[in-house]
Amino acid sequence: MPKWRSFSPEPAGTATSSRPSGGWLSVPAVILVLLSAWLAASDEVTPAPDKGENDDAAKGIVVKESNASQKDKEKNKARTAKAVRYHIKNLKDPDPSVRQSSCEMLGMIGSPLPVPDLIDVLRPERQEREMVLLAANGALVRITGKNFGAKNYPAWLQWWSANKEEFLKKAEVGPDPKQKIRAEADNTLGLESMKRGELVAAQTQFLDAVNSDPTVPDYRNNLGLALLNQGRYLDAMVYFRETIGLNPDLPQPYMNIGHCYSRMAKTIEAQSWYKKAMALDKEGNLWEPLWLLGKEHMKRGEWSIAFEYLDQSRMRAEKLHLANHLHANLCKDLAITHFGLDQYNSAWKEIKNVETLGFKCDPGFVAKVKKALVDQGVDPDADDKKAREVMRGTDEDEGKK
């Protein structure tokens, strides 16, 4: 989201005066005051009651915007043009981070003027960095409503050559609201199909949403998820990266790329993308990246590090009041991690937490934990029975009060 600059009104008591300290106005000062009065009068609009459009038409009156309003519009237009020129110039800066940032800013501004310059960023001869390509493509998608991909320079160039004049005319009118409504409907249908496990249908519906309104990052991210769940990891990553191009501040597509690498058994890459997602979670509301990082360390048998991530994830999850099945999955991983750390009592406690949530752990794993406790002289069933009796007694005492 762009940060808007706020302007404070001038504080009271600081108004300046043209009157000299002696009490009389000098001749030049009198002339200045008169000139100021005349100039002010030329800008004044005398209020009059509105007698309706028919009366205006009969008298040949045309309502015009005030001079101040028109001047403000012209100033804003000039500022926008200046900003666009500045960022177009930066597209050739030697620093790739500057080029990426300017691509993103041009997308936010939304002016059609930099389209050919952004297309040029995609030219293969430039050998541009991937993140710059994605940012340029994302900006083009935002501005044009089209998407030919970050590595399809010929298609972008061909489209611009054929549609330049028509596009510039439409840019003055704005996007078609019907297309936006259609995209929202297709996205909703896709989400419902995903819930039912109809992944191919969901893929088609999300693709329709993307084609109807390519400017919304969620539609592209959802299309990537439909492909991910079909095992098409490389195809899914294309859409997740394009989502980043549209909005680099969203943590979800980074996390989803991590999912893809995890499913492909590329742990190091998965961890890297999960950490990128965490870095974007400024308010600390996301629990999934921490959980997924913990799972990656579990795969490597790095139990202490895994526990740190899983424990942090649980703390966030409890604040968010997760659905029982998600909370149960987290408890299962904590149980396995405690077992890996030889903390059998804690592992057993997490197994019971899973059962309290209405789910069960793998019977073979439960048997292993139970055996480890028995070997230490602990009877977990007896302890559970005793704990239930204590809880029952506490409840009875509360009832008597």
Protein backbone atom coordinates (compact mmCIF):
# COMPACT_ATOMS: atom_id res chain seq x y z
CA MET A 1 0.00 0.00 0.00
CA PRO A 2 1.39 3.45 -0.83
CA LYS A 3 2.07 5.76 2.10
CA TRP A 4 0.13 9.00 1.81
CA ARG A 5 1.84 12.17 2.89
CA SER A 6 -0.23 14.27 5.27
CA PHE A 7 -0.11 18.04 5.33
CA SER A 8 -0.77 19.96 8.55
CA PRO A 9 -2.64 23.26 8.42
CA GLU A 10 -0.68 26.31 9.42
CA PRO A 11 -0.88 26.75 13.21
CA ALA A 12 -3.04 29.49 14.64
CA GLY A 13 -1.35 32.76 15.42
CA THR A 14 1.16 32.63 12.56
CA ALA A 15 -0.75 34.63 9.98
CA THR A 16 1.38 37.34 8.42
CA SER A 17 0.32 40.92 7.87
CA SER A 18 1.36 43.51 5.27
CA ARG A 19 0.72 46.38 7.71
CA PRO A 20 3.92 48.10 8.94
CA SER A 21 4.54 48.71 12.61
CA GLY A 22 3.92 52.46 12.30
CA GLY A 23 0.20 51.94 11.74
CA TRP A 24 0.01 53.53 8.23
CA LEU A 25 0.31 51.73 4.94
CA SER A 26 2.99 52.93 2.54
CA VAL A 27 2.01 53.80 -1.06
CA PRO A 28 3.55 50.59 -2.47
CA ALA A 29 1.76 48.66 0.23
CA VAL A 30 -1.57 50.29 -0.69
CA ILE A 31 -1.05 49.35 -4.33
CA LEU A 32 -0.19 45.78 -3.26
CA VAL A 33 -3.34 45.53 -1.15
CA LEU A 34 -5.51 46.83 -4.00
CA LEU A 35 -3.94 44.40 -6.44
CA SER A 36 -4.52 41.54 -4.01
CA ALA A 37 -8.15 42.56 -3.61
CA TRP A 38 -8.69 42.67 -7.37
CA LEU A 39 -7.06 39.28 -7.83
CA ALA A 40 -9.17 37.79 -5.05
CA ALA A 41 -12.33 39.28 -6.56
CA SER A 42 -11.55 37.70 -9.91
CA ASP A 43 -11.54 34.26 -8.25
CA GLU A 44 -14.65 34.79 -6.15
CA VAL A 45 -17.83 32.88 -6.99
CA THR A 46 -21.08 34.58 -5.94
CA PRO A 47 -23.39 32.03 -4.33
CA ALA A 48 -26.82 31.67 -5.95
CA PRO A 49 -29.74 29.29 -5.43
CA ASP A 50 -29.87 26.32 -7.80
CA LYS A 51 -33.03 26.59 -9.94
CA GLY A 52 -32.47 23.24 -11.66
CA GLU A 53 -30.98 21.94 -14.89
CA ASN A 54 -33.88 23.17 -17.09
CA ASP A 55 -33.39 26.73 -15.94
CA ASP A 56 -29.65 26.49 -16.60
CA ALA A 57 -30.25 25.10 -20.07
CA ALA A 58 -32.75 27.82 -20.91
CA LYS A 59 -30.25 30.49 -19.95
CA GLY A 60 -27.36 28.75 -21.66
CA ILE A 61 -25.47 28.30 -18.37
CA VAL A 62 -22.63 25.80 -18.33
CA VAL A 63 -21.41 24.73 -14.89
CA LYS A 64 -17.63 24.80 -14.67
CA GLU A 65 -15.28 23.57 -11.99
CA SER A 66 -13.78 26.26 -9.78
CA ASN A 67 -10.39 27.59 -10.77
CA ALA A 68 -8.88 26.18 -7.56
CA SER A 69 -10.19 22.66 -8.27
CA GLN A 70 -8.91 22.77 -11.84
CA LYS A 71 -5.52 24.02 -10.67
CA ASP A 72 -5.27 21.21 -8.12
CA LYS A 73 -5.99 18.66 -10.82
CA GLU A 74 -3.35 20.16 -13.06
CA LYS A 75 -0.82 20.15 -10.22
CA ASN A 76 -1.55 16.48 -9.40
CA LYS A 77 -1.24 15.60 -13.06
CA ALA A 78 2.11 17.39 -13.24
CA ARG A 79 3.35 15.60 -10.10
CA THR A 80 2.30 12.22 -11.50
CA ALA A 81 4.03 12.92 -14.81
CA LYS A 82 7.17 13.94 -12.96
CA ALA A 83 7.11 10.77 -10.84
CA VAL A 84 6.59 8.61 -13.94
CA ARG A 85 9.55 10.25 -15.72
CA TYR A 86 11.71 9.72 -12.64
CA HIS A 87 10.91 5.99 -12.40
CA ILE A 88 11.23 5.45 -16.15
CA LYS A 89 14.74 6.88 -15.87
CA ASN A 90 15.46 4.49 -12.98
CA LEU A 91 14.61 1.47 -15.15
CA LYS A 92 18.15 1.83 -16.52
CA ASP A 93 19.82 2.33 -13.15
CA PRO A 94 22.84 0.01 -12.58
CA ASP A 95 21.38 -1.15 -9.23
CA PRO A 96 18.83 -3.98 -9.78
CA SER A 97 17.03 -3.15 -6.53
CA VAL A 98 16.41 0.38 -7.83
CA ARG A 99 15.11 -1.00 -11.12
CA GLN A 100 12.81 -3.41 -9.28
CA SER A 101 11.51 -0.67 -6.97
CA SER A 102 10.77 1.65 -9.89
CA CYS A 103 8.89 -1.10 -11.73
CA GLU A 104 6.74 -1.61 -8.63
CA MET A 105 6.14 2.14 -8.23
CA LEU A 106 5.10 2.50 -11.87
CA GLY A 107 2.59 -0.29 -11.33
CA MET A 108 1.17 1.52 -8.30
CA ILE A 109 0.93 4.85 -10.13
CA GLY A 110 -0.98 3.11 -12.94
CA SER A 111 -0.16 5.58 -15.70
CA PRO A 112 -0.13 4.09 -19.23
CA LEU A 113 2.90 6.18 -20.25
CA PRO A 114 5.63 3.75 -19.07
CA VAL A 115 4.16 0.65 -20.78
CA PRO A 116 6.74 0.55 -23.63
CA ASP A 117 9.58 1.12 -21.16
CA LEU A 118 8.34 -1.69 -18.90
CA ILE A 119 8.03 -3.99 -21.90
CA ASP A 120 11.64 -3.15 -22.78
CA VAL A 121 12.70 -4.39 -19.32
CA LEU A 122 11.52 -7.85 -20.43
CA ARG A 123 13.73 -7.80 -23.53
CA PRO A 124 15.99 -10.91 -23.35
CA GLU A 125 19.08 -8.99 -24.50
CA ARG A 126 19.01 -7.02 -21.24
CA GLN A 127 19.60 -10.25 -19.27
CA GLU A 128 17.57 -8.77 -16.44
CA ARG A 129 17.40 -10.20 -12.89
CA GLU A 130 14.38 -12.42 -12.20
CA MET A 131 12.88 -10.21 -9.48
CA VAL A 132 13.11 -7.19 -11.79
CA LEU A 133 11.39 -9.17 -14.58
CA LEU A 134 8.60 -10.18 -12.20
CA ALA A 135 8.19 -6.60 -10.96
CA ALA A 136 8.04 -5.28 -14.54
CA ASN A 137 5.52 -7.93 -15.57
CA GLY A 138 3.45 -7.23 -12.44
CA ALA A 139 3.42 -3.52 -13.26
CA LEU A 140 2.34 -4.26 -16.84
CA VAL A 141 -0.45 -6.51 -15.57
CA ARG A 142 -1.69 -3.79 -13.23
CA ILE A 143 -1.59 -1.09 -15.89
CA THR A 144 -2.84 -3.01 -18.92
CA GLY A 145 -5.04 -5.74 -17.45
CA LYS A 146 -3.18 -8.23 -19.67
CA ASN A 147 -0.68 -10.93 -18.75
CA PHE A 148 1.66 -12.59 -21.20
CA GLY A 149 4.26 -13.59 -18.59
CA ALA A 150 7.56 -12.14 -17.45
CA LYS A 151 9.50 -14.12 -20.03
CA ASN A 152 7.31 -13.50 -23.06
CA TYR A 153 8.73 -10.25 -24.43
CA PRO A 154 7.60 -10.95 -28.06
CA ALA A 155 3.94 -11.35 -26.99
CA TRP A 156 3.99 -8.09 -24.97
CA LEU A 157 5.64 -6.23 -27.85
CA GLN A 158 3.18 -7.61 -30.40
CA TRP A 159 0.18 -6.72 -28.21
CA TRP A 160 1.42 -3.16 -27.62
CA SER A 161 2.08 -2.59 -31.33
CA ALA A 162 -1.43 -3.75 -32.25
CA ASN A 163 -3.41 -2.19 -29.37
CA LYS A 164 -1.54 0.94 -28.33
CA GLU A 165 -4.04 3.54 -29.56
CA GLU A 166 -7.13 1.65 -28.38
CA PHE A 167 -5.56 0.98 -24.98
CA LEU A 168 -4.62 4.62 -24.41
CA LYS A 169 -8.21 5.66 -25.20
CA LYS A 170 -9.61 3.05 -22.77
CA ALA A 171 -7.11 4.09 -20.10
CA GLU A 172 -8.90 7.44 -19.86
CA VAL A 173 -12.25 5.71 -19.20
CA GLY A 174 -11.05 3.10 -16.65
CA PRO A 175 -11.53 -0.69 -16.20
CA ASP A 176 -14.72 -2.47 -17.18
CA PRO A 177 -16.73 -3.09 -13.97
CA LYS A 178 -18.51 -6.08 -15.54
CA GLN A 179 -15.20 -7.89 -15.97
CA LYS A 180 -14.36 -7.28 -12.32
CA ILE A 181 -17.71 -8.70 -11.18
CA ARG A 182 -17.24 -11.73 -13.41
CA ALA A 183 -13.73 -12.28 -11.98
CA GLU A 184 -15.03 -12.14 -8.38
CA ALA A 185 -17.72 -14.71 -9.22
CA ASP A 186 -15.23 -17.08 -10.90
CA ASN A 187 -12.87 -16.80 -7.94
CA THR A 188 -15.68 -17.64 -5.50
CA LEU A 189 -16.63 -20.69 -7.58
CA GLY A 190 -12.99 -21.76 -7.60
CA LEU A 191 -12.77 -21.58 -3.82
CA GLU A 192 -15.90 -23.73 -3.49
CA SER A 193 -14.45 -26.28 -5.92
CA MET A 194 -11.22 -26.36 -3.90
CA LYS A 195 -13.19 -27.16 -0.74
CA ARG A 196 -14.82 -30.11 -2.51
CA GLY A 197 -11.44 -31.34 -3.79
CA GLU A 198 -12.37 -30.63 -7.42
CA LEU A 199 -8.95 -29.26 -8.31
CA VAL A 200 -9.20 -29.26 -12.11
CA ALA A 201 -12.51 -27.38 -11.98
CA ALA A 202 -11.01 -24.92 -9.49
CA GLN A 203 -8.02 -24.40 -11.77
CA THR A 204 -10.32 -23.50 -14.69
CA GLN A 205 -12.38 -21.10 -12.57
CA PHE A 206 -9.33 -19.33 -11.13
CA LEU A 207 -7.86 -19.02 -14.63
CA ASP A 208 -11.11 -17.41 -15.80
CA ALA A 209 -10.86 -14.97 -12.87
CA VAL A 210 -7.28 -14.10 -13.79
CA ASN A 211 -8.21 -13.51 -17.42
CA SER A 212 -11.20 -11.34 -16.49
CA ASP A 213 -9.22 -9.21 -14.02
CA PRO A 214 -5.46 -9.83 -14.08
CA THR A 215 -4.80 -7.02 -11.59
CA VAL A 216 -5.96 -8.92 -8.45
CA PRO A 217 -3.11 -10.89 -6.80
CA ASP A 218 -5.44 -13.30 -4.94
CA TYR A 219 -6.80 -14.83 -8.15
CA ARG A 220 -3.31 -15.67 -9.39
CA ASN A 221 -2.26 -17.03 -5.98
CA ASN A 222 -5.37 -19.25 -5.84
CA LEU A 223 -4.61 -20.58 -9.33
CA GLY A 224 -1.14 -21.49 -8.09
CA LEU A 225 -2.66 -23.35 -5.13
CA ALA A 226 -4.92 -25.38 -7.41
CA LEU A 227 -1.86 -26.44 -9.43
CA LEU A 228 0.22 -27.11 -6.29
CA ASN A 229 -2.41 -29.49 -4.94
CA GLN A 230 -2.34 -31.35 -8.25
CA GLY A 231 1.41 -31.88 -7.85
CA ARG A 232 2.27 -29.42 -10.64
CA TYR A 233 4.85 -27.58 -8.56
CA LEU A 234 6.80 -25.81 -11.30
CA ASP A 235 3.60 -24.53 -12.94
CA ALA A 236 2.31 -23.39 -9.56
CA MET A 237 5.49 -21.44 -8.83
CA VAL A 238 5.04 -19.43 -12.04
CA TYR A 239 1.75 -18.04 -10.73
CA PHE A 240 3.08 -17.51 -7.21
CA ARG A 241 5.97 -15.49 -8.65
CA GLU A 242 3.57 -13.48 -10.78
CA THR A 243 1.55 -12.79 -7.62
CA ILE A 244 4.72 -11.41 -6.05
CA GLY A 245 5.16 -9.25 -9.15
CA LEU A 246 1.70 -7.79 -8.58
CA ASN A 247 2.20 -7.22 -4.85
CA PRO A 248 5.64 -8.00 -3.36
CA ASP A 249 4.38 -7.29 0.18
CA LEU A 250 2.05 -10.30 0.42
CA PRO A 251 3.60 -13.13 2.50
CA GLN A 252 1.32 -15.90 1.14
CA PRO A 253 2.92 -16.42 -2.30
CA TYR A 254 6.39 -16.65 -0.71
CA MET A 255 5.06 -19.27 1.68
CA ASN A 256 3.44 -21.17 -1.17
CA ILE A 257 6.68 -21.27 -3.14
CA GLY A 258 8.18 -22.76 0.02
CA HIS A 259 5.40 -25.41 -0.09
CA CYS A 260 6.40 -26.29 -3.64
CA TYR A 261 10.07 -26.73 -2.75
CA SER A 262 9.12 -28.74 0.34
CA ARG A 263 7.00 -31.11 -1.75
CA MET A 264 9.96 -31.43 -4.13
CA ALA A 265 12.17 -32.44 -1.14
CA LYS A 266 14.28 -29.27 -1.48
CA THR A 267 14.48 -28.39 2.20
CA ILE A 268 17.03 -25.56 2.02
CA GLU A 269 15.07 -23.72 -0.67
CA ALA A 270 11.81 -24.28 1.24
CA GLN A 271 13.28 -22.80 4.43
CA SER A 272 14.55 -19.77 2.51
CA TRP A 273 11.10 -18.95 1.12
CA TYR A 274 9.36 -19.55 4.47
CA LYS A 275 11.74 -17.06 6.07
CA LYS A 276 10.93 -14.52 3.35
CA ALA A 277 7.25 -14.92 4.22
CA MET A 278 8.02 -14.41 7.92
CA ALA A 279 9.98 -11.24 7.15
CA LEU A 280 6.90 -9.76 5.47
CA ASP A 281 4.62 -10.61 8.41
CA LYS A 282 5.21 -7.28 10.15
CA GLU A 283 2.42 -7.71 12.72
CA GLY A 284 3.32 -11.31 13.62
CA ASN A 285 -0.10 -12.74 12.78
CA LEU A 286 0.93 -15.68 10.61
CA TRP A 287 1.47 -19.01 12.31
CA GLU A 288 1.98 -21.17 9.19
CA PRO A 289 5.56 -20.11 8.22
CA LEU A 290 6.81 -20.96 11.71
CA TRP A 291 5.03 -24.31 11.64
CA LEU A 292 6.35 -25.14 8.17
CA LEU A 293 9.90 -24.15 9.14
CA GLY A 294 9.58 -26.44 12.15
CA LYS A 295 8.48 -29.30 9.89
CA GLU A 296 11.49 -28.78 7.59
CA HIS A 297 13.84 -29.05 10.58
CA MET A 298 11.95 -32.15 11.72
CA LYS A 299 12.79 -33.78 8.38
CA ARG A 300 16.49 -33.19 9.08
CA GLY A 301 16.25 -34.48 12.67
CA GLU A 302 17.10 -31.03 14.04
CA TRP A 303 14.71 -31.40 16.95
CA SER A 304 15.74 -28.45 19.13
CA ILE A 305 15.41 -25.92 16.29
CA ALA A 306 12.17 -27.60 15.17
CA PHE A 307 10.73 -27.22 18.68
CA GLU A 308 11.57 -23.49 18.78
CA TYR A 309 9.64 -22.83 15.57
CA LEU A 310 6.73 -25.12 16.47
CA ASP A 311 6.37 -23.62 19.94
CA GLN A 312 6.27 -20.07 18.52
CA SER A 313 3.75 -21.24 15.95
CA ARG A 314 1.53 -22.73 18.68
CA MET A 315 1.57 -19.46 20.65
CA ARG A 316 0.38 -17.53 17.60
CA ALA A 317 -2.15 -20.22 16.70
CA GLU A 318 -3.74 -20.09 20.16
CA LYS A 319 -4.29 -16.34 19.80
CA LEU A 320 -5.98 -16.88 16.46
CA HIS A 321 -8.28 -19.68 17.73
CA LEU A 322 -7.46 -22.06 14.88
CA ALA A 323 -9.83 -24.74 13.64
CA ASN A 324 -9.43 -27.98 15.62
CA HIS A 325 -7.94 -29.99 12.74
CA LEU A 326 -5.17 -27.43 12.20
CA HIS A 327 -4.41 -27.18 15.91
CA ALA A 328 -4.34 -30.99 16.12
CA ASN A 329 -1.79 -31.21 13.30
CA LEU A 330 0.44 -28.77 15.14
CA CYS A 331 0.14 -30.79 18.36
CA LYS A 332 1.04 -33.98 16.46
CA ASP A 333 4.26 -32.39 15.20
CA LEU A 334 5.07 -31.17 18.70
CA ALA A 335 4.54 -34.70 20.04
CA ILE A 336 6.96 -36.13 17.46
CA THR A 337 9.50 -33.37 18.22
CA HIS A 338 9.35 -34.03 21.98
CA PHE A 339 9.87 -37.74 21.27
CA GLY A 340 12.90 -36.86 19.17
CA LEU A 341 14.26 -34.89 22.15
CA ASP A 342 13.61 -37.87 24.49
CA GLN A 343 10.96 -35.81 26.29
CA TYR A 344 8.44 -38.62 26.55
CA ASN A 345 6.13 -37.05 29.14
CA SER A 346 5.76 -33.96 26.97
CA ALA A 347 5.18 -36.13 23.91
CA TRP A 348 2.41 -38.01 25.76
CA LYS A 349 0.84 -34.70 26.82
CA GLU A 350 0.67 -33.56 23.19
CA ILE A 351 -0.88 -36.89 22.17
CA LYS A 352 -3.63 -36.26 24.74
CA ASN A 353 -4.06 -32.71 23.42
CA VAL A 354 -4.69 -34.17 19.96
CA GLU A 355 -7.33 -36.51 21.41
CA THR A 356 -8.97 -33.63 23.30
CA LEU A 357 -9.33 -31.82 19.97
CA GLY A 358 -11.19 -34.84 18.59
CA PHE A 359 -8.39 -36.50 16.57
CA LYS A 360 -5.90 -39.33 16.99
CA CYS A 361 -2.17 -39.79 16.46
CA ASP A 362 -0.69 -42.74 14.58
CA PRO A 363 -1.21 -45.85 16.78
CA GLY A 364 2.35 -47.03 16.15
CA PHE A 365 3.76 -43.72 17.36
CA VAL A 366 1.51 -43.74 20.45
CA ALA A 367 2.75 -47.25 21.28
CA LYS A 368 6.39 -46.09 21.00
CA VAL A 369 5.84 -43.19 23.38
CA LYS A 370 3.97 -45.40 25.84
CA LYS A 371 6.75 -48.02 25.80
CA ALA A 372 9.41 -45.34 26.39
CA LEU A 373 7.48 -44.11 29.45
CA VAL A 374 6.97 -47.65 30.81
CA ASP A 375 10.72 -48.31 30.40
CA GLN A 376 11.28 -45.28 32.65
CA GLY A 377 8.91 -46.70 35.25
CA VAL A 378 6.00 -44.45 34.33
CA ASP A 379 2.51 -45.81 33.70
CA PRO A 380 0.89 -43.20 31.41
CA ASP A 381 -2.57 -44.81 31.68
CA ALA A 382 -2.47 -44.64 35.48
CA ASP A 383 -1.30 -41.03 35.35
CA ASP A 384 -4.12 -40.17 32.96
CA LYS A 385 -6.66 -41.82 35.25
CA LYS A 386 -5.31 -39.92 38.25
CA ALA A 387 -5.38 -36.63 36.33
CA ARG A 388 -9.01 -37.24 35.32
CA GLU A 389 -9.97 -37.94 38.95
CA VAL A 390 -8.30 -34.73 40.07
CA MET A 391 -10.14 -32.79 37.38
CA ARG A 392 -13.44 -34.43 38.32
CA GLY A 393 -12.92 -33.51 41.96
CA THR A 394 -12.11 -29.93 41.04
CA ASP A 395 -15.28 -29.69 38.96
CA GLU A 396 -17.38 -31.09 41.87
CA ASP A 397 -15.86 -28.55 44.28
CA GLU A 398 -16.65 -25.75 41.85
CA GLY A 399 -20.24 -27.04 41.60
CA LYS A 400 -20.69 -26.95 45.39
CA LYS A 401 -19.60 -23.33 45.50
